[in-house]
PDB file of N, CA and C in Angstrom:
ATOM      1  N   MET A   1       0.846  -1.160   0.000  1.00  0.00           N
ATOM      2  CA  MET A   1       0.000   0.000   0.000  1.00  0.00           C
ATOM      3  C   MET A   1       0.896   1.229   0.000  1.00  0.00           C
ATOM      4  N   LYS A   2       0.429   2.290  -0.611  1.00  0.00           N
ATOM      5  CA  LYS A   2       1.165   3.555  -0.614  1.00  0.00           C
ATOM      6  C   LYS A   2       0.348   4.592   0.142  1.00  0.00           C
ATOM      7  N   THR A   3       1.070   5.499   0.813  1.00  0.00           N
ATOM      8  CA  THR A   3       0.433   6.569   1.571  1.00  0.00           C
ATOM      9  C   THR A   3       1.146   7.874   1.276  1.00  0.00           C
ATOM     10  N   LYS A   4       0.352   8.924   1.107  1.00  0.00           N
ATOM     11  CA  LYS A   4       0.890  10.245   0.784  1.00  0.00           C
ATOM     12  C   LYS A   4       1.260  11.000   2.056  1.00  0.00           C
ATOM     13  N   VAL A   5       2.459  11.565   2.060  1.00  0.00           N
ATOM     14  CA  VAL A   5       2.933  12.361   3.185  1.00  0.00           C
ATOM     15  C   VAL A   5       2.260  13.736   3.121  1.00  0.00           C
ATOM     16  N   MET A   6       1.672  14.131   4.234  1.00  0.00           N
ATOM     17  CA  MET A   6       1.004  15.423   4.320  1.00  0.00           C
ATOM     18  C   MET A   6       2.000  16.469   4.846  1.00  0.00           C
ATOM     19  N   PRO A   7       1.692  17.762   4.692  1.00  0.00           N
ATOM     20  CA  PRO A   7       2.588  18.802   5.196  1.00  0.00           C
ATOM     21  C   PRO A   7       2.905  18.604   6.681  1.00  0.00           C
ATOM     22  N   ARG A   8       4.173  18.832   7.010  1.00  0.00           N
ATOM     23  CA  ARG A   8       4.697  18.764   8.372  1.00  0.00           C
ATOM     24  C   ARG A   8       4.826  17.350   8.944  1.00  0.00           C
ATOM     25  N   GLN A   9       4.608  16.318   8.140  1.00  0.00           N
ATOM     26  CA  GLN A   9       4.741  14.959   8.659  1.00  0.00           C
ATOM     27  C   GLN A   9       6.169  14.457   8.534  1.00  0.00           C
ATOM     28  N   THR A  10       6.590  13.745   9.554  1.00  0.00           N
ATOM     29  CA  THR A  10       7.894  13.093   9.584  1.00  0.00           C
ATOM     30  C   THR A  10       7.674  11.590   9.382  1.00  0.00           C
ATOM     31  N   LEU A  11       8.761  10.853   9.252  1.00  0.00           N
ATOM     32  CA  LEU A  11       8.619   9.396   9.163  1.00  0.00           C
ATOM     33  C   LEU A  11       7.975   8.848  10.437  1.00  0.00           C
ATOM     34  N   ALA A  12       8.299   9.433  11.570  1.00  0.00           N
ATOM     35  CA  ALA A  12       7.684   8.992  12.827  1.00  0.00           C
ATOM     36  C   ALA A  12       6.183   9.239  12.809  1.00  0.00           C
ATOM     37  N   ASP A  13       5.765  10.388  12.292  1.00  0.00           N
ATOM     38  CA  ASP A  13       4.335  10.675  12.164  1.00  0.00           C
ATOM     39  C   ASP A  13       3.662   9.643  11.274  1.00  0.00           C
ATOM     40  N   MET A  14       4.319   9.323  10.167  1.00  0.00           N
ATOM     41  CA  MET A  14       3.752   8.345   9.236  1.00  0.00           C
ATOM     42  C   MET A  14       3.661   6.968   9.886  1.00  0.00           C
ATOM     43  N   ALA A  15       4.652   6.611  10.686  1.00  0.00           N
ATOM     44  CA  ALA A  15       4.615   5.326  11.385  1.00  0.00           C
ATOM     45  C   ALA A  15       3.393   5.253  12.299  1.00  0.00           C
ATOM     46  N   MET A  16       3.116   6.349  13.003  1.00  0.00           N
ATOM     47  CA  MET A  16       1.942   6.385  13.877  1.00  0.00           C
ATOM     48  C   MET A  16       0.653   6.370  13.061  1.00  0.00           C
ATOM     49  N   GLN A  17       0.612   7.120  11.977  1.00  0.00           N
ATOM     50  CA  GLN A  17      -0.598   7.207  11.161  1.00  0.00           C
ATOM     51  C   GLN A  17      -0.952   5.873  10.512  1.00  0.00           C
ATOM     52  N   VAL A  18       0.036   5.210   9.956  1.00  0.00           N
ATOM     53  CA  VAL A  18      -0.226   3.982   9.196  1.00  0.00           C
ATOM     54  C   VAL A  18      -0.289   2.753  10.098  1.00  0.00           C
ATOM     55  N   TYR A  19       0.623   2.682  11.077  1.00  0.00           N
ATOM     56  CA  TYR A  19       0.747   1.463  11.876  1.00  0.00           C
ATOM     57  C   TYR A  19       0.316   1.607  13.334  1.00  0.00           C
ATOM     58  N   GLY A  20       0.154   2.850  13.807  1.00  0.00           N
ATOM     59  CA  GLY A  20      -0.210   3.049  15.204  1.00  0.00           C
ATOM     60  C   GLY A  20       0.917   2.724  16.150  1.00  0.00           C
ATOM     61  N   ASP A  21       2.153   2.753  15.645  1.00  0.00           N
ATOM     62  CA  ASP A  21       3.302   2.360  16.464  1.00  0.00           C
ATOM     63  C   ASP A  21       4.567   3.019  15.935  1.00  0.00           C
ATOM     64  N   ILE A  22       5.271   3.713  16.792  1.00  0.00           N
ATOM     65  CA  ILE A  22       6.500   4.415  16.401  1.00  0.00           C
ATOM     66  C   ILE A  22       7.580   3.450  15.903  1.00  0.00           C
ATOM     67  N   ARG A  23       7.531   2.203  16.356  1.00  0.00           N
ATOM     68  CA  ARG A  23       8.536   1.221  15.915  1.00  0.00           C
ATOM     69  C   ARG A  23       8.497   0.988  14.410  1.00  0.00           C
ATOM     70  N   ALA A  24       7.382   1.315  13.775  1.00  0.00           N
ATOM     71  CA  ALA A  24       7.234   1.113  12.333  1.00  0.00           C
ATOM     72  C   ALA A  24       8.100   2.074  11.522  1.00  0.00           C
ATOM     73  N   ILE A  25       8.716   3.048  12.165  1.00  0.00           N
ATOM     74  CA  ILE A  25       9.582   3.983  11.446  1.00  0.00           C
ATOM     75  C   ILE A  25      10.701   3.231  10.724  1.00  0.00           C
ATOM     76  N   VAL A  26      11.205   2.183  11.331  1.00  0.00           N
ATOM     77  CA  VAL A  26      12.280   1.389  10.719  1.00  0.00           C
ATOM     78  C   VAL A  26      11.749   0.688   9.467  1.00  0.00           C
ATOM     79  N   THR A  27      10.550   0.142   9.536  1.00  0.00           N
ATOM     80  CA  THR A  27       9.932  -0.529   8.395  1.00  0.00           C
ATOM     81  C   THR A  27       9.719   0.451   7.246  1.00  0.00           C
ATOM     82  N   LEU A  28       9.193   1.646   7.559  1.00  0.00           N
ATOM     83  CA  LEU A  28       8.970   2.665   6.527  1.00  0.00           C
ATOM     84  C   LEU A  28      10.276   3.120   5.892  1.00  0.00           C
ATOM     85  N   ALA A  29      11.255   3.401   6.719  1.00  0.00           N
ATOM     86  CA  ALA A  29      12.544   3.858   6.196  1.00  0.00           C
ATOM     87  C   ALA A  29      13.157   2.792   5.295  1.00  0.00           C
ATOM     88  N   ASP A  30      13.139   1.554   5.742  1.00  0.00           N
ATOM     89  CA  ASP A  30      13.721   0.453   4.966  1.00  0.00           C
ATOM     90  C   ASP A  30      12.972   0.251   3.645  1.00  0.00           C
ATOM     91  N   ALA A  31      11.659   0.256   3.684  1.00  0.00           N
ATOM     92  CA  ALA A  31      10.853   0.019   2.474  1.00  0.00           C
ATOM     93  C   ALA A  31      11.024   1.122   1.439  1.00  0.00           C
ATOM     94  N   ASN A  32      11.425   2.315   1.892  1.00  0.00           N
ATOM     95  CA  ASN A  32      11.562   3.452   0.986  1.00  0.00           C
ATOM     96  C   ASN A  32      13.007   3.904   0.802  1.00  0.00           C
ATOM     97  N   ASN A  33      13.948   3.072   1.273  1.00  0.00           N
ATOM     98  CA  ASN A  33      15.382   3.367   1.151  1.00  0.00           C
ATOM     99  C   ASN A  33      15.724   4.759   1.658  1.00  0.00           C
ATOM    100  N   LEU A  34      15.225   5.082   2.861  1.00  0.00           N
ATOM    101  CA  LEU A  34      15.452   6.391   3.469  1.00  0.00           C
ATOM    102  C   LEU A  34      16.162   6.233   4.810  1.00  0.00           C
ATOM    103  N   PRO A  35      16.983   7.215   5.181  1.00  0.00           N
ATOM    104  CA  PRO A  35      17.531   7.196   6.539  1.00  0.00           C
ATOM    105  C   PRO A  35      16.406   7.522   7.533  1.00  0.00           C
ATOM    106  N   LEU A  36      16.527   7.061   8.768  1.00  0.00           N
ATOM    107  CA  LEU A  36      15.486   7.274   9.775  1.00  0.00           C
ATOM    108  C   LEU A  36      15.166   8.745  10.003  1.00  0.00           C
ATOM    109  N   THR A  37      16.148   9.604   9.841  1.00  0.00           N
ATOM    110  CA  THR A  37      15.955  11.029  10.121  1.00  0.00           C
ATOM    111  C   THR A  37      15.645  11.848   8.879  1.00  0.00           C
ATOM    112  N   HIS A  38      15.342  11.202   7.776  1.00  0.00           N
ATOM    113  CA  HIS A  38      15.079  11.900   6.515  1.00  0.00           C
ATOM    114  C   HIS A  38      13.840  12.792   6.610  1.00  0.00           C
ATOM    115  N   ASP A  39      13.952  14.030   6.146  1.00  0.00           N
ATOM    116  CA  ASP A  39      12.805  14.927   6.048  1.00  0.00           C
ATOM    117  C   ASP A  39      12.082  14.617   4.734  1.00  0.00           C
ATOM    118  N   VAL A  40      10.934  14.003   4.837  1.00  0.00           N
ATOM    119  CA  VAL A  40      10.181  13.585   3.655  1.00  0.00           C
ATOM    120  C   VAL A  40       9.309  14.752   3.186  1.00  0.00           C
ATOM    121  N   PRO A  41       9.476  15.195   1.946  1.00  0.00           N
ATOM    122  CA  PRO A  41       8.664  16.305   1.443  1.00  0.00           C
ATOM    123  C   PRO A  41       7.179  15.943   1.365  1.00  0.00           C
ATOM    124  N   ALA A  42       6.332  16.911   1.677  1.00  0.00           N
ATOM    125  CA  ALA A  42       4.886  16.711   1.538  1.00  0.00           C
ATOM    126  C   ALA A  42       4.582  16.310   0.101  1.00  0.00           C
ATOM    127  N   GLY A  43       3.637  15.405  -0.039  1.00  0.00           N
ATOM    128  CA  GLY A  43       3.253  14.925  -1.356  1.00  0.00           C
ATOM    129  C   GLY A  43       3.962  13.653  -1.772  1.00  0.00           C
ATOM    130  N   THR A  44       5.029  13.300  -1.072  1.00  0.00           N
ATOM    131  CA  THR A  44       5.762  12.068  -1.367  1.00  0.00           C
ATOM    132  C   THR A  44       4.860  10.864  -1.094  1.00  0.00           C
ATOM    133  N   MET A  45       4.893   9.908  -1.977  1.00  0.00           N
ATOM    134  CA  MET A  45       4.152   8.664  -1.773  1.00  0.00           C
ATOM    135  C   MET A  45       5.117   7.645  -1.167  1.00  0.00           C
ATOM    136  N   LEU A  46       4.802   7.187   0.035  1.00  0.00           N
ATOM    137  CA  LEU A  46       5.630   6.192   0.707  1.00  0.00           C
ATOM    138  C   LEU A  46       5.038   4.801   0.542  1.00  0.00           C
ATOM    139  N   GLU A  47       5.903   3.851   0.289  1.00  0.00           N
ATOM    140  CA  GLU A  47       5.507   2.450   0.266  1.00  0.00           C
ATOM    141  C   GLU A  47       5.350   2.012   1.721  1.00  0.00           C
ATOM    142  N   CYS A  48       4.198   1.441   2.053  1.00  0.00           N
ATOM    143  CA  CYS A  48       3.900   1.013   3.420  1.00  0.00           C
ATOM    144  C   CYS A  48       3.590  -0.479   3.413  1.00  0.00           C
ATOM    145  N   PRO A  49       4.573  -1.301   3.759  1.00  0.00           N
ATOM    146  CA  PRO A  49       4.357  -2.747   3.760  1.00  0.00           C
ATOM    147  C   PRO A  49       3.189  -3.135   4.674  1.00  0.00           C
ATOM    148  N   GLU A  50       2.480  -4.167   4.273  1.00  0.00           N
ATOM    149  CA  GLU A  50       1.362  -4.678   5.074  1.00  0.00           C
ATOM    150  C   GLU A  50       1.946  -5.421   6.271  1.00  0.00           C
ATOM    151  N   THR A  51       2.057  -4.719   7.375  1.00  0.00           N
ATOM    152  CA  THR A  51       2.626  -5.262   8.601  1.00  0.00           C
ATOM    153  C   THR A  51       1.786  -4.778   9.767  1.00  0.00           C
ATOM    154  N   VAL A  52       1.646  -5.594  10.806  1.00  0.00           N
ATOM    155  CA  VAL A  52       0.914  -5.191  11.997  1.00  0.00           C
ATOM    156  C   VAL A  52       1.887  -5.148  13.165  1.00  0.00           C
ATOM    157  N   PHE A  53       1.919  -4.001  13.841  1.00  0.00           N
ATOM    158  CA  PHE A  53       2.739  -3.843  15.037  1.00  0.00           C
ATOM    159  C   PHE A  53       1.855  -3.908  16.279  1.00  0.00           C
ATOM    160  N   ASP A  54       0.738  -3.206  16.240  1.00  0.00           N
ATOM    161  CA  ASP A  54      -0.220  -3.157  17.339  1.00  0.00           C
ATOM    162  C   ASP A  54      -1.602  -3.024  16.692  1.00  0.00           C
ATOM    163  N   LYS A  55      -2.292  -4.146  16.574  1.00  0.00           N
ATOM    164  CA  LYS A  55      -3.564  -4.170  15.840  1.00  0.00           C
ATOM    165  C   LYS A  55      -4.576  -3.174  16.411  1.00  0.00           C
ATOM    166  N   TYR A  56      -4.674  -3.078  17.723  1.00  0.00           N
ATOM    167  CA  TYR A  56      -5.633  -2.160  18.344  1.00  0.00           C
ATOM    168  C   TYR A  56      -5.345  -0.715  17.940  1.00  0.00           C
ATOM    169  N   MET A  57      -4.091  -0.282  18.087  1.00  0.00           N
ATOM    170  CA  MET A  57      -3.737   1.099  17.753  1.00  0.00           C
ATOM    171  C   MET A  57      -3.848   1.353  16.258  1.00  0.00           C
ATOM    172  N   GLN A  58      -3.472   0.370  15.451  1.00  0.00           N
ATOM    173  CA  GLN A  58      -3.563   0.521  14.005  1.00  0.00           C
ATOM    174  C   GLN A  58      -5.016   0.747  13.588  1.00  0.00           C
ATOM    175  N   GLU A  59      -5.929  -0.009  14.139  1.00  0.00           N
ATOM    176  CA  GLU A  59      -7.346   0.175  13.834  1.00  0.00           C
ATOM    177  C   GLU A  59      -7.848   1.511  14.377  1.00  0.00           C
ATOM    178  N   TYR A  60      -7.390   1.892  15.567  1.00  0.00           N
ATOM    179  CA  TYR A  60      -7.819   3.155  16.172  1.00  0.00           C
ATOM    180  C   TYR A  60      -7.417   4.341  15.296  1.00  0.00           C
ATOM    181  N   VAL A  61      -6.144   4.407  14.889  1.00  0.00           N
ATOM    182  CA  VAL A  61      -5.708   5.563  14.102  1.00  0.00           C
ATOM    183  C   VAL A  61      -6.402   5.592  12.738  1.00  0.00           C
ATOM    184  N   ARG A  62      -6.680   4.440  12.168  1.00  0.00           N
ATOM    185  CA  ARG A  62      -7.404   4.410  10.891  1.00  0.00           C
ATOM    186  C   ARG A  62      -8.856   4.858  11.066  1.00  0.00           C
ATOM    187  N   ASN A  63      -9.516   4.340  12.080  1.00  0.00           N
ATOM    188  CA  ASN A  63     -10.924   4.693  12.307  1.00  0.00           C
ATOM    189  C   ASN A  63     -11.091   6.161  12.696  1.00  0.00           C
ATOM    190  N   GLN A  64     -10.133   6.696  13.443  1.00  0.00           N
ATOM    191  CA  GLN A  64     -10.211   8.092  13.885  1.00  0.00           C
ATOM    192  C   GLN A  64      -9.577   9.054  12.882  1.00  0.00           C
ATOM    193  N   LYS A  65      -9.014   8.499  11.804  1.00  0.00           N
ATOM    194  CA  LYS A  65      -8.339   9.297  10.772  1.00  0.00           C
ATOM    195  C   LYS A  65      -7.252  10.196  11.379  1.00  0.00           C
ATOM    196  N   VAL A  66      -6.452   9.590  12.247  1.00  0.00           N
ATOM    197  CA  VAL A  66      -5.357  10.299  12.889  1.00  0.00           C
ATOM    198  C   VAL A  66      -4.269  10.585  11.864  1.00  0.00           C
ATOM    199  N   SER A  67      -3.858  11.839  11.765  1.00  0.00           N
ATOM    200  CA  SER A  67      -2.779  12.253  10.850  1.00  0.00           C
ATOM    201  C   SER A  67      -1.821  13.162  11.601  1.00  0.00           C
ATOM    202  N   PRO A  68      -0.961  12.604  12.442  1.00  0.00           N
ATOM    203  CA  PRO A  68      -0.051  13.442  13.213  1.00  0.00           C
ATOM    204  C   PRO A  68       0.907  14.204  12.296  1.00  0.00           C
ATOM    205  N   ALA A  69       1.254  15.402  12.726  1.00  0.00           N
ATOM    206  CA  ALA A  69       2.191  16.237  11.982  1.00  0.00           C
ATOM    207  C   ALA A  69       2.973  17.061  12.991  1.00  0.00           C
ATOM    208  N   THR A  70       4.141  16.566  13.372  1.00  0.00           N
ATOM    209  CA  THR A  70       4.881  17.185  14.463  1.00  0.00           C
ATOM    210  C   THR A  70       6.011  18.111  14.000  1.00  0.00           C
ATOM    211  N   ALA A  71       6.306  18.125  12.728  1.00  0.00           N
ATOM    212  CA  ALA A  71       7.402  18.976  12.258  1.00  0.00           C
ATOM    213  C   ALA A  71       7.028  20.442  12.435  1.00  0.00           C
ATOM    214  N   THR A  72       8.026  21.234  12.748  1.00  0.00           N
ATOM    215  CA  THR A  72       7.823  22.680  12.848  1.00  0.00           C
ATOM    216  C   THR A  72       8.474  23.338  11.654  1.00  0.00           C
ATOM    217  N   GLU A  73       8.190  24.591  11.443  1.00  0.00           N
ATOM    218  CA  GLU A  73       8.802  25.296  10.321  1.00  0.00           C
ATOM    219  C   GLU A  73      10.315  25.356  10.458  1.00  0.00           C
ATOM    220  N   ASP A  74      10.809  25.293  11.694  1.00  0.00           N
ATOM    221  CA  ASP A  74      12.249  25.340  11.927  1.00  0.00           C
ATOM    222  C   ASP A  74      12.965  24.108  11.391  1.00  0.00           C
ATOM    223  N   ASN A  75      12.256  22.966  11.371  1.00  0.00           N
ATOM    224  CA  ASN A  75      12.933  21.743  10.917  1.00  0.00           C
ATOM    225  C   ASN A  75      12.379  21.218   9.606  1.00  0.00           C
ATOM    226  N   LEU A  76      11.720  22.048   8.838  1.00  0.00           N
ATOM    227  CA  LEU A  76      11.249  21.623   7.514  1.00  0.00           C
ATOM    228  C   LEU A  76      12.295  21.947   6.467  1.00  0.00           C
TER     229      LEU A  76
END
């Protein structure tokens, strides 16, 4: 599955949005050949492997349409 990065989202934000678990940052970085600290531009389509880290949280963030965006203008 692919997911579009929204403004101000980091790989950590995407890990929470897609998987409901910060540990998924490693999976996202690996699947997209990115370093863990890479600033992903808004609009980028990330490959998101079908993996479950925490089924409850994954369902919660999907059902609630959680889209965290923690980047500030200072680190964009």
